[in-house]
Amino acid sequence: MDFNAALKEFRSSYNGPKLAFVIMGGGYSALDFRKFPGSSRYYHTAVEPYQDDLINFLNRYGSGPHIGSDEAQSFRAVNMEVTRDLLKALVAYCDDPSVKCVVVNSAITTDRWRRGSNRSFIVTSDNEEFEYNLSKIDEVTYNSLQLYNSEFIDEIRRNEDLRIGQAVLSILCDNPSMTPNYPGESLVRVSTVP
């Protein structure tokens, strides 16, 4: 199933509570359902903190950041601990127990080579925690593309974002058949906290 089919399935089958999101780094396509009529039935809000905004959001609504400003400006903030902190902050921000909160915290292809894996941490206020491991091109290929075909890097990133968004929609619908099926990638349930 591709992203568009997953989006269609989400729109026709999601019957849960309204949704609030924090999305960082990738997975913004999970919000594409907002482009269609009727999305107000299940959309509450979306927060997209970036760098220092992340620190401010965690200070204002959470228990404070467990990361420094330098980490917020790098990909070191893409881990399960920060993702859980963002969920606590989002729950406080919404202040409505009927809203399902979802945090998507990702490190994916960008306009410069970076060390580390392409990954996304996805947590919900239903105590579900997932890690989505994405494939990644090697540094030599990346540098060659950057030099000769930088538009292709944009396309890689767009497709990574779509796969993360699709994974989020599959989690929200509790429908594994909606999960992206891409070679070398996996969506793993980290835990379900009772």
Protein backbone atom coordinates (compact mmCIF):
# COMPACT_ATOMS: atom_id res chain seq x y z
CA MET A 1 0.00 0.00 0.00
CA ASP A 2 1.40 3.42 -0.90
CA PHE A 3 0.90 6.68 0.97
CA ASN A 4 -2.12 7.84 -1.03
CA ALA A 5 -3.93 4.54 -0.46
CA ALA A 6 -3.07 4.70 3.26
CA LEU A 7 -4.37 8.28 3.45
CA LYS A 8 -7.61 7.22 1.77
CA GLU A 9 -7.93 4.29 4.19
CA PHE A 10 -7.30 6.57 7.17
CA ARG A 11 -9.95 9.04 6.01
CA SER A 12 -12.53 6.30 5.57
CA SER A 13 -11.78 4.15 8.64
CA TYR A 14 -10.35 6.30 11.45
CA ASN A 15 -13.06 6.65 14.08
CA GLY A 16 -11.02 7.52 17.15
CA PRO A 17 -10.76 10.74 19.15
CA LYS A 18 -9.53 14.05 17.80
CA LEU A 19 -5.79 14.11 17.19
CA ALA A 20 -3.09 16.53 18.31
CA PHE A 21 0.42 16.26 16.89
CA VAL A 22 3.96 17.36 17.52
CA ILE A 23 6.04 16.67 14.43
CA MET A 24 9.77 17.31 14.17
CA GLY A 25 12.14 16.49 11.36
CA GLY A 26 9.86 14.35 9.21
CA GLY A 27 6.45 12.76 8.98
CA TYR A 28 4.63 15.99 8.17
CA SER A 29 2.68 14.11 5.50
CA ALA A 30 0.74 12.43 8.33
CA LEU A 31 -1.12 15.75 8.46
CA ASP A 32 -2.17 15.62 4.79
CA PHE A 33 -5.64 14.49 5.82
CA ARG A 34 -6.21 18.15 6.74
CA LYS A 35 -6.34 18.99 3.03
CA PHE A 36 -9.70 17.27 2.66
CA PRO A 37 -13.24 18.13 3.74
CA GLY A 38 -14.35 16.62 7.03
CA SER A 39 -10.94 16.56 8.69
CA SER A 40 -12.28 18.64 11.59
CA ARG A 41 -13.95 15.42 12.81
CA TYR A 42 -10.55 14.11 13.87
CA TYR A 43 -8.11 17.01 13.84
CA HIS A 44 -7.38 19.07 16.95
CA THR A 45 -3.98 20.75 16.48
CA ALA A 46 -0.39 20.39 15.30
CA VAL A 47 2.75 21.88 16.82
CA GLU A 48 5.97 21.89 14.82
CA PRO A 49 8.78 23.13 17.09
CA TYR A 50 12.16 23.73 15.51
CA GLN A 51 15.51 24.15 17.28
CA ASP A 52 15.10 26.79 20.00
CA ASP A 53 11.31 26.50 19.71
CA LEU A 54 11.75 22.92 20.90
CA ILE A 55 13.46 24.10 24.09
CA ASN A 56 10.78 26.75 24.66
CA PHE A 57 7.95 24.26 24.10
CA LEU A 58 9.47 21.76 26.55
CA ASN A 59 10.14 24.49 29.14
CA ARG A 60 6.63 25.92 28.89
CA TYR A 61 4.54 22.74 28.75
CA GLY A 62 6.83 19.93 29.84
CA SER A 63 9.11 19.24 32.75
CA GLY A 64 11.87 21.13 30.97
CA PRO A 65 14.22 19.90 28.29
CA HIS A 66 16.63 17.06 28.81
CA ILE A 67 18.64 18.50 25.93
CA GLY A 68 20.62 21.65 25.44
CA SER A 69 20.29 24.25 22.71
CA ASP A 70 23.20 22.72 20.79
CA GLU A 71 21.44 19.35 20.80
CA ALA A 72 18.17 20.90 19.63
CA GLN A 73 20.06 22.24 16.62
CA SER A 74 21.43 18.80 15.78
CA PHE A 75 19.94 15.37 15.33
CA ARG A 76 20.83 14.32 18.89
CA ALA A 77 17.29 15.32 19.94
CA VAL A 78 15.92 12.44 17.85
CA ASN A 79 15.64 9.75 20.49
CA MET A 80 12.91 8.10 22.54
CA GLU A 81 13.57 10.15 25.70
CA VAL A 82 13.01 13.49 23.94
CA THR A 83 10.01 12.02 22.11
CA ARG A 84 8.44 11.00 25.43
CA ASP A 85 9.14 14.47 26.84
CA LEU A 86 7.42 16.01 23.82
CA LEU A 87 4.39 13.79 24.41
CA LYS A 88 4.12 14.98 28.03
CA ALA A 89 4.39 18.58 26.84
CA LEU A 90 1.76 18.05 24.12
CA VAL A 91 -0.67 16.49 26.60
CA ALA A 92 -0.20 19.53 28.87
CA TYR A 93 -0.52 21.92 25.91
CA CYS A 94 -3.84 20.38 24.81
CA ASP A 95 -5.13 20.01 28.38
CA ASP A 96 -7.97 17.81 27.10
CA PRO A 97 -8.02 14.12 28.02
CA SER A 98 -10.40 13.33 25.14
CA VAL A 99 -7.68 14.25 22.59
CA LYS A 100 -5.26 11.58 21.39
CA CYS A 101 -1.76 13.05 21.29
CA VAL A 102 0.82 11.85 18.77
CA VAL A 103 4.51 12.78 18.60
CA VAL A 104 6.67 12.09 15.55
CA ASN A 105 10.37 12.85 16.04
CA SER A 106 12.52 12.06 13.00
CA ALA A 107 16.01 12.31 11.52
CA ILE A 108 15.93 11.86 7.75
CA THR A 109 17.87 12.94 4.68
CA THR A 110 18.69 16.64 4.70
CA ASP A 111 20.65 19.15 2.63
CA ARG A 112 23.95 17.98 4.12
CA TRP A 113 25.43 14.59 4.94
CA ARG A 114 24.95 13.61 8.57
CA ARG A 115 26.15 10.65 10.55
CA GLY A 116 23.66 8.32 12.19
CA SER A 117 20.72 6.38 10.96
CA ASN A 118 17.53 7.63 9.37
CA ARG A 119 14.89 6.98 11.99
CA SER A 120 11.65 8.16 13.48
CA PHE A 121 10.25 7.75 16.97
CA ILE A 122 6.46 7.75 17.17
CA VAL A 123 4.59 7.80 20.48
CA THR A 124 0.93 8.26 21.37
CA SER A 125 -0.96 9.17 24.50
CA ASP A 126 -2.38 5.63 24.33
CA ASN A 127 1.07 4.58 25.58
CA GLU A 128 2.18 3.18 22.24
CA GLU A 129 5.82 3.61 21.27
CA PHE A 130 7.35 2.79 17.90
CA GLU A 131 10.65 3.20 16.13
CA TYR A 132 10.67 3.36 12.35
CA ASN A 133 14.08 2.59 10.86
CA LEU A 134 14.52 3.94 7.34
CA SER A 135 17.08 3.11 4.71
CA LYS A 136 19.86 5.61 4.05
CA ILE A 137 22.15 6.21 1.09
CA ASP A 138 25.89 6.08 1.73
CA GLU A 139 28.03 9.21 2.01
CA VAL A 140 29.77 8.81 -1.37
CA THR A 141 26.45 8.49 -3.21
CA TYR A 142 25.01 11.39 -1.23
CA ASN A 143 27.95 13.67 -2.09
CA SER A 144 27.72 12.73 -5.76
CA LEU A 145 23.99 13.49 -5.81
CA GLN A 146 24.56 16.77 -3.99
CA LEU A 147 27.08 17.78 -6.62
CA TYR A 148 25.30 16.59 -9.77
CA ASN A 149 21.61 16.08 -8.97
CA SER A 150 20.55 17.84 -5.77
CA GLU A 151 16.88 17.64 -6.78
CA PHE A 152 17.11 13.89 -6.29
CA ILE A 153 18.03 14.45 -2.64
CA ASP A 154 14.83 16.50 -2.29
CA GLU A 155 12.90 13.57 -3.76
CA ILE A 156 14.55 11.11 -1.36
CA ARG A 157 13.56 13.29 1.58
CA ARG A 158 10.00 13.74 0.32
CA ASN A 159 9.62 9.98 -0.02
CA GLU A 160 11.05 9.38 3.45
CA ASP A 161 8.54 11.87 4.85
CA LEU A 162 5.71 10.06 3.05
CA ARG A 163 6.79 6.70 4.48
CA ILE A 164 6.92 8.10 8.02
CA GLY A 165 3.51 9.73 7.53
CA GLN A 166 2.14 6.43 6.26
CA ALA A 167 3.56 4.61 9.30
CA VAL A 168 1.83 7.15 11.57
CA LEU A 169 -1.51 6.66 9.81
CA SER A 170 -1.16 2.86 10.09
CA ILE A 171 -0.51 3.21 13.83
CA LEU A 172 -3.54 5.48 14.28
CA CYS A 173 -5.77 3.02 12.44
CA ASP A 174 -4.13 0.03 14.16
CA ASN A 175 -3.84 -1.48 10.70
CA PRO A 176 -0.49 -3.11 9.91
CA SER A 177 -1.50 -3.59 6.26
CA MET A 178 -1.16 0.21 5.87
CA THR A 179 2.48 0.16 7.03
CA PRO A 180 5.05 1.05 4.35
CA ASN A 181 6.77 -1.98 2.90
CA TYR A 182 10.14 -0.67 1.77
CA PRO A 183 13.30 -2.82 1.52
CA GLY A 184 15.57 -2.52 4.54
CA GLU A 185 13.05 -0.59 6.64
CA SER A 186 11.05 -1.62 9.68
CA LEU A 187 8.42 -0.28 12.02
CA VAL A 188 8.99 -1.80 15.43
CA ARG A 189 6.76 -1.51 18.48
CA VAL A 190 9.16 -0.46 21.22
CA SER A 191 6.66 -0.87 24.04
CA THR A 192 3.12 -0.51 25.12
CA VAL A 193 3.05 0.90 28.61
CA PRO A 194 -0.01 -0.27 30.62
